[in-house]
Amino acid sequence: MNWQALFEPQILFCGEELFEEDKVISFEIKGSEIFAEVESSAGEVYYEVYLRLDQTKQSLVAMTCDCPYAESGRHCKYAAATAFCFYATNKKEYLQQASYEEVLSLIRNVEGSELRAFLLAEMAHNVALQAAFLQRFGKKIGLQVRINLNFTARKCKIFLIRMLIMMVLWIMK
């Protein structure tokens, strides 16, 4: 069984973000059991997560977390972050590629408002997606779009940091 299927899509997305933001503070594997401590998104609280794998370590068979969301037995983003950490640590591809047909089917079945919300959330931190979107749809609203697709997220961050430093220096004068 695909372990990602155990989580709701939004929970899985948030769990991946927690993992990528290094919010999994402690992580220990004892046989087929995983114990972790995961920092909350806001950084105020730490949650204890327990995962149990089958004997082959191929699939999750149990998970618990002491966060409020998981109290009712639901699988939370902290458990998802721990699972991402486990699969990445074991050098397995932690995001399995879906087939093109699966993606098309999913897109057709997602509500328009949910799709827009997802697209907005993704564009907030994906400069390449912003550029592609503007290139494709900017002309429809009269934007004259000239985009340098080599302007990567890293370059964007460097530019923003430089601007912030310049603003701080200007304020300190």
C-alpha atoms as a PDB file:
ATOM      1  CA  MET A   1       0.000   0.000   0.000  1.00  0.00           C
ATOM      2  CA  ASN A   2       1.166   3.513  -0.833  1.00  0.00           C
ATOM      3  CA  TRP A   3       1.777   5.182   2.557  1.00  0.00           C
ATOM      4  CA  GLN A   4       0.711   8.622   1.246  1.00  0.00           C
ATOM      5  CA  ALA A   5      -2.812   7.253   0.686  1.00  0.00           C
ATOM      6  CA  LEU A   6      -3.235   7.033   4.475  1.00  0.00           C
ATOM      7  CA  PHE A   7      -3.344  10.840   4.685  1.00  0.00           C
ATOM      8  CA  GLU A   8      -5.759  13.425   3.349  1.00  0.00           C
ATOM      9  CA  PRO A   9      -4.064  15.407   0.542  1.00  0.00           C
ATOM     10  CA  GLN A  10      -3.878  18.678   2.511  1.00  0.00           C
ATOM     11  CA  ILE A  11      -2.500  16.875   5.570  1.00  0.00           C
ATOM     12  CA  LEU A  12       0.127  15.179   3.406  1.00  0.00           C
ATOM     13  CA  PHE A  13       1.070  18.548   1.861  1.00  0.00           C
ATOM     14  CA  CYS A  14       1.431  20.161   5.310  1.00  0.00           C
ATOM     15  CA  GLY A  15       3.436  17.181   6.573  1.00  0.00           C
ATOM     16  CA  GLU A  16       5.834  17.491   3.657  1.00  0.00           C
ATOM     17  CA  GLU A  17       6.264  21.194   4.416  1.00  0.00           C
ATOM     18  CA  LEU A  18       7.041  20.411   8.070  1.00  0.00           C
ATOM     19  CA  PHE A  19       9.605  17.834   6.942  1.00  0.00           C
ATOM     20  CA  GLU A  20      11.211  20.228   4.449  1.00  0.00           C
ATOM     21  CA  GLU A  21      11.330  22.984   7.095  1.00  0.00           C
ATOM     22  CA  ASP A  22      13.276  20.617   9.398  1.00  0.00           C
ATOM     23  CA  LYS A  23      10.508  20.567  11.993  1.00  0.00           C
ATOM     24  CA  VAL A  24      11.181  16.888  12.777  1.00  0.00           C
ATOM     25  CA  ILE A  25      13.384  17.593  15.788  1.00  0.00           C
ATOM     26  CA  SER A  26      14.182  14.097  17.002  1.00  0.00           C
ATOM     27  CA  PHE A  27      13.869  10.891  15.061  1.00  0.00           C
ATOM     28  CA  GLU A  28      14.677   7.358  16.241  1.00  0.00           C
ATOM     29  CA  ILE A  29      14.096   3.983  14.600  1.00  0.00           C
ATOM     30  CA  LYS A  30      13.910   0.921  16.853  1.00  0.00           C
ATOM     31  CA  GLY A  31      13.248  -2.148  14.757  1.00  0.00           C
ATOM     32  CA  SER A  32       9.909  -1.546  13.092  1.00  0.00           C
ATOM     33  CA  GLU A  33       8.997   1.365  15.373  1.00  0.00           C
ATOM     34  CA  ILE A  34       9.697   5.042  14.796  1.00  0.00           C
ATOM     35  CA  PHE A  35       9.654   7.655  17.533  1.00  0.00           C
ATOM     36  CA  ALA A  36       9.828  11.338  16.669  1.00  0.00           C
ATOM     37  CA  GLU A  37       9.281  14.774  18.090  1.00  0.00           C
ATOM     38  CA  VAL A  38       7.908  17.316  15.622  1.00  0.00           C
ATOM     39  CA  GLU A  39       7.762  21.055  16.131  1.00  0.00           C
ATOM     40  CA  SER A  40       4.436  22.732  15.407  1.00  0.00           C
ATOM     41  CA  SER A  41       4.114  25.005  12.397  1.00  0.00           C
ATOM     42  CA  ALA A  42       4.235  28.081  14.599  1.00  0.00           C
ATOM     43  CA  GLY A  43       7.171  26.693  16.570  1.00  0.00           C
ATOM     44  CA  GLU A  44       5.406  26.946  19.922  1.00  0.00           C
ATOM     45  CA  VAL A  45       4.696  23.290  20.710  1.00  0.00           C
ATOM     46  CA  TYR A  46       6.347  19.915  20.143  1.00  0.00           C
ATOM     47  CA  TYR A  47       4.330  16.789  19.446  1.00  0.00           C
ATOM     48  CA  GLU A  48       5.368  13.202  20.025  1.00  0.00           C
ATOM     49  CA  VAL A  49       4.752  10.866  17.107  1.00  0.00           C
ATOM     50  CA  TYR A  50       4.862   7.081  16.994  1.00  0.00           C
ATOM     51  CA  LEU A  51       4.812   5.065  13.767  1.00  0.00           C
ATOM     52  CA  ARG A  52       4.865   1.293  13.425  1.00  0.00           C
ATOM     53  CA  LEU A  53       5.912  -0.353  10.185  1.00  0.00           C
ATOM     54  CA  ASP A  54       5.328  -3.870   8.975  1.00  0.00           C
ATOM     55  CA  GLN A  55       8.267  -6.240   9.380  1.00  0.00           C
ATOM     56  CA  THR A  56       9.586  -5.464   5.902  1.00  0.00           C
ATOM     57  CA  LYS A  57       9.464  -1.697   6.625  1.00  0.00           C
ATOM     58  CA  GLN A  58       7.489  -1.260   3.419  1.00  0.00           C
ATOM     59  CA  SER A  59       4.246   0.112   4.842  1.00  0.00           C
ATOM     60  CA  LEU A  60       2.847   1.903   7.862  1.00  0.00           C
ATOM     61  CA  VAL A  61       0.551  -0.221   9.996  1.00  0.00           C
ATOM     62  CA  ALA A  62      -0.057   2.155  12.915  1.00  0.00           C
ATOM     63  CA  MET A  63       0.519   5.762  13.888  1.00  0.00           C
ATOM     64  CA  THR A  64      -0.271   8.002  16.823  1.00  0.00           C
ATOM     65  CA  CYS A  65       0.447  11.597  17.746  1.00  0.00           C
ATOM     66  CA  ASP A  66      -0.411  13.642  20.812  1.00  0.00           C
ATOM     67  CA  CYS A  67      -1.592  16.683  18.791  1.00  0.00           C
ATOM     68  CA  PRO A  68      -5.257  17.769  19.098  1.00  0.00           C
ATOM     69  CA  TYR A  69      -6.053  16.816  15.481  1.00  0.00           C
ATOM     70  CA  ALA A  70      -4.951  13.209  16.020  1.00  0.00           C
ATOM     71  CA  GLU A  71      -6.862  12.761  19.296  1.00  0.00           C
ATOM     72  CA  SER A  72      -9.898  11.459  17.427  1.00  0.00           C
ATOM     73  CA  GLY A  73      -7.806   8.869  15.590  1.00  0.00           C
ATOM     74  CA  ARG A  74      -7.154  10.923  12.450  1.00  0.00           C
ATOM     75  CA  HIS A  75      -3.761  10.892  10.756  1.00  0.00           C
ATOM     76  CA  CYS A  76      -2.106  14.278  11.274  1.00  0.00           C
ATOM     77  CA  LYS A  77       0.524  16.364   9.513  1.00  0.00           C
ATOM     78  CA  TYR A  78       3.058  15.560  12.249  1.00  0.00           C
ATOM     79  CA  ALA A  79       2.753  11.840  11.532  1.00  0.00           C
ATOM     80  CA  ALA A  80       3.054  12.633   7.818  1.00  0.00           C
ATOM     81  CA  ALA A  81       6.229  14.682   8.461  1.00  0.00           C
ATOM     82  CA  THR A  82       7.673  11.748  10.398  1.00  0.00           C
ATOM     83  CA  ALA A  83       6.820   9.358   7.567  1.00  0.00           C
ATOM     84  CA  PHE A  84       8.505  11.685   5.050  1.00  0.00           C
ATOM     85  CA  CYS A  85      11.553  11.744   7.307  1.00  0.00           C
ATOM     86  CA  PHE A  86      11.648   7.945   7.504  1.00  0.00           C
ATOM     87  CA  TYR A  87      11.340   7.365   3.771  1.00  0.00           C
ATOM     88  CA  ALA A  88      13.851  10.120   2.960  1.00  0.00           C
ATOM     89  CA  THR A  89      16.279   8.812   5.584  1.00  0.00           C
ATOM     90  CA  ASN A  90      16.096   5.373   4.058  1.00  0.00           C
ATOM     91  CA  LYS A  91      16.871   6.873   0.655  1.00  0.00           C
ATOM     92  CA  LYS A  92      13.567   5.789  -0.785  1.00  0.00           C
ATOM     93  CA  GLU A  93      11.715   8.074  -3.108  1.00  0.00           C
ATOM     94  CA  TYR A  94       9.277   9.605  -0.645  1.00  0.00           C
ATOM     95  CA  LEU A  95       6.914  10.980  -3.243  1.00  0.00           C
ATOM     96  CA  GLN A  96       5.825   8.324  -5.679  1.00  0.00           C
ATOM     97  CA  GLN A  97       4.978   9.597  -9.126  1.00  0.00           C
ATOM     98  CA  ALA A  98       1.362   9.252 -10.121  1.00  0.00           C
ATOM     99  CA  SER A  99       0.509   8.350 -13.662  1.00  0.00           C
ATOM    100  CA  TYR A 100      -0.708  11.083 -15.998  1.00  0.00           C
ATOM    101  CA  GLU A 101      -4.154   9.458 -16.084  1.00  0.00           C
ATOM    102  CA  GLU A 102      -4.356   9.489 -12.262  1.00  0.00           C
ATOM    103  CA  VAL A 103      -3.495  13.178 -12.190  1.00  0.00           C
ATOM    104  CA  LEU A 104      -6.070  13.999 -14.885  1.00  0.00           C
ATOM    105  CA  SER A 105      -8.728  12.047 -13.032  1.00  0.00           C
ATOM    106  CA  LEU A 106      -7.945  13.858  -9.803  1.00  0.00           C
ATOM    107  CA  ILE A 107      -8.031  17.288 -11.455  1.00  0.00           C
ATOM    108  CA  ARG A 108     -11.423  16.515 -12.986  1.00  0.00           C
ATOM    109  CA  ASN A 109     -12.822  15.517  -9.580  1.00  0.00           C
ATOM    110  CA  VAL A 110     -11.484  18.419  -7.505  1.00  0.00           C
ATOM    111  CA  GLU A 111     -13.774  21.389  -6.867  1.00  0.00           C
ATOM    112  CA  GLY A 112     -12.761  24.571  -8.700  1.00  0.00           C
ATOM    113  CA  SER A 113     -12.353  26.533  -5.462  1.00  0.00           C
ATOM    114  CA  GLU A 114     -10.089  23.819  -4.009  1.00  0.00           C
ATOM    115  CA  LEU A 115      -8.000  23.806  -7.167  1.00  0.00           C
ATOM    116  CA  ARG A 116      -7.654  27.605  -7.045  1.00  0.00           C
ATOM    117  CA  ALA A 117      -6.659  27.489  -3.355  1.00  0.00           C
ATOM    118  CA  PHE A 118      -4.032  24.849  -4.119  1.00  0.00           C
ATOM    119  CA  LEU A 119      -2.691  26.848  -7.061  1.00  0.00           C
ATOM    120  CA  LEU A 120      -2.458  30.020  -4.945  1.00  0.00           C
ATOM    121  CA  ALA A 121      -0.653  28.177  -2.151  1.00  0.00           C
ATOM    122  CA  GLU A 122       1.814  26.627  -4.608  1.00  0.00           C
ATOM    123  CA  MET A 123       2.459  29.930  -6.371  1.00  0.00           C
ATOM    124  CA  ALA A 124       3.315  31.603  -3.078  1.00  0.00           C
ATOM    125  CA  HIS A 125       6.685  29.842  -3.038  1.00  0.00           C
ATOM    126  CA  ASN A 126       7.214  28.589  -6.593  1.00  0.00           C
ATOM    127  CA  VAL A 127       8.631  31.297  -8.851  1.00  0.00           C
ATOM    128  CA  ALA A 128       8.743  29.007 -11.900  1.00  0.00           C
ATOM    129  CA  LEU A 129       5.031  28.244 -11.542  1.00  0.00           C
ATOM    130  CA  GLN A 130       4.275  31.973 -11.181  1.00  0.00           C
ATOM    131  CA  ALA A 131       6.219  32.663 -14.365  1.00  0.00           C
ATOM    132  CA  ALA A 132       4.504  29.893 -16.310  1.00  0.00           C
ATOM    133  CA  PHE A 133       1.079  31.052 -15.109  1.00  0.00           C
ATOM    134  CA  LEU A 134       1.759  34.680 -16.040  1.00  0.00           C
ATOM    135  CA  GLN A 135       3.140  33.656 -19.404  1.00  0.00           C
ATOM    136  CA  ARG A 136       0.043  31.570 -20.156  1.00  0.00           C
ATOM    137  CA  PHE A 137      -2.748  33.750 -18.720  1.00  0.00           C
ATOM    138  CA  GLY A 138      -1.290  37.269 -18.373  1.00  0.00           C
ATOM    139  CA  LYS A 139      -2.305  38.311 -21.871  1.00  0.00           C
ATOM    140  CA  LYS A 140      -5.951  37.507 -21.124  1.00  0.00           C
ATOM    141  CA  ILE A 141      -6.087  40.414 -18.678  1.00  0.00           C
ATOM    142  CA  GLY A 142      -3.897  42.748 -20.725  1.00  0.00           C
ATOM    143  CA  LEU A 143      -0.576  42.224 -18.962  1.00  0.00           C
ATOM    144  CA  GLN A 144       2.504  42.656 -21.090  1.00  0.00           C
ATOM    145  CA  VAL A 145       4.457  39.753 -19.693  1.00  0.00           C
ATOM    146  CA  ARG A 146       8.172  39.422 -20.259  1.00  0.00           C
ATOM    147  CA  ILE A 147       9.525  36.837 -17.901  1.00  0.00           C
ATOM    148  CA  ASN A 148      13.043  35.647 -17.413  1.00  0.00           C
ATOM    149  CA  LEU A 149      12.467  31.967 -16.671  1.00  0.00           C
ATOM    150  CA  ASN A 150      16.025  31.740 -15.366  1.00  0.00           C
ATOM    151  CA  PHE A 151      14.963  33.894 -12.406  1.00  0.00           C
ATOM    152  CA  THR A 152      14.955  31.038  -9.933  1.00  0.00           C
ATOM    153  CA  ALA A 153      13.553  30.889  -6.422  1.00  0.00           C
ATOM    154  CA  ARG A 154      17.096  31.109  -5.065  1.00  0.00           C
ATOM    155  CA  LYS A 155      17.754  34.303  -7.023  1.00  0.00           C
ATOM    156  CA  CYS A 156      14.431  35.669  -5.815  1.00  0.00           C
ATOM    157  CA  LYS A 157      15.373  34.981  -2.183  1.00  0.00           C
ATOM    158  CA  ILE A 158      18.781  36.612  -2.662  1.00  0.00           C
ATOM    159  CA  PHE A 159      17.127  39.657  -4.234  1.00  0.00           C
ATOM    160  CA  LEU A 160      14.650  39.932  -1.343  1.00  0.00           C
ATOM    161  CA  ILE A 161      17.410  39.585   1.250  1.00  0.00           C
ATOM    162  CA  ARG A 162      19.434  42.315  -0.477  1.00  0.00           C
ATOM    163  CA  MET A 163      16.388  44.579  -0.555  1.00  0.00           C
ATOM    164  CA  LEU A 164      15.741  43.925   3.140  1.00  0.00           C
ATOM    165  CA  ILE A 165      19.361  44.756   4.004  1.00  0.00           C
ATOM    166  CA  MET A 166      19.165  47.949   1.974  1.00  0.00           C
ATOM    167  CA  MET A 167      15.944  48.939   3.745  1.00  0.00           C
ATOM    168  CA  VAL A 168      17.456  48.283   7.171  1.00  0.00           C
ATOM    169  CA  LEU A 169      20.548  50.316   6.287  1.00  0.00           C
ATOM    170  CA  TRP A 170      18.379  53.166   4.987  1.00  0.00           C
ATOM    171  CA  ILE A 171      16.256  53.146   8.164  1.00  0.00           C
ATOM    172  CA  MET A 172      19.367  53.172  10.375  1.00  0.00           C
ATOM    173  CA  LYS A 173      20.736  56.367   8.707  1.00  0.00           C
END
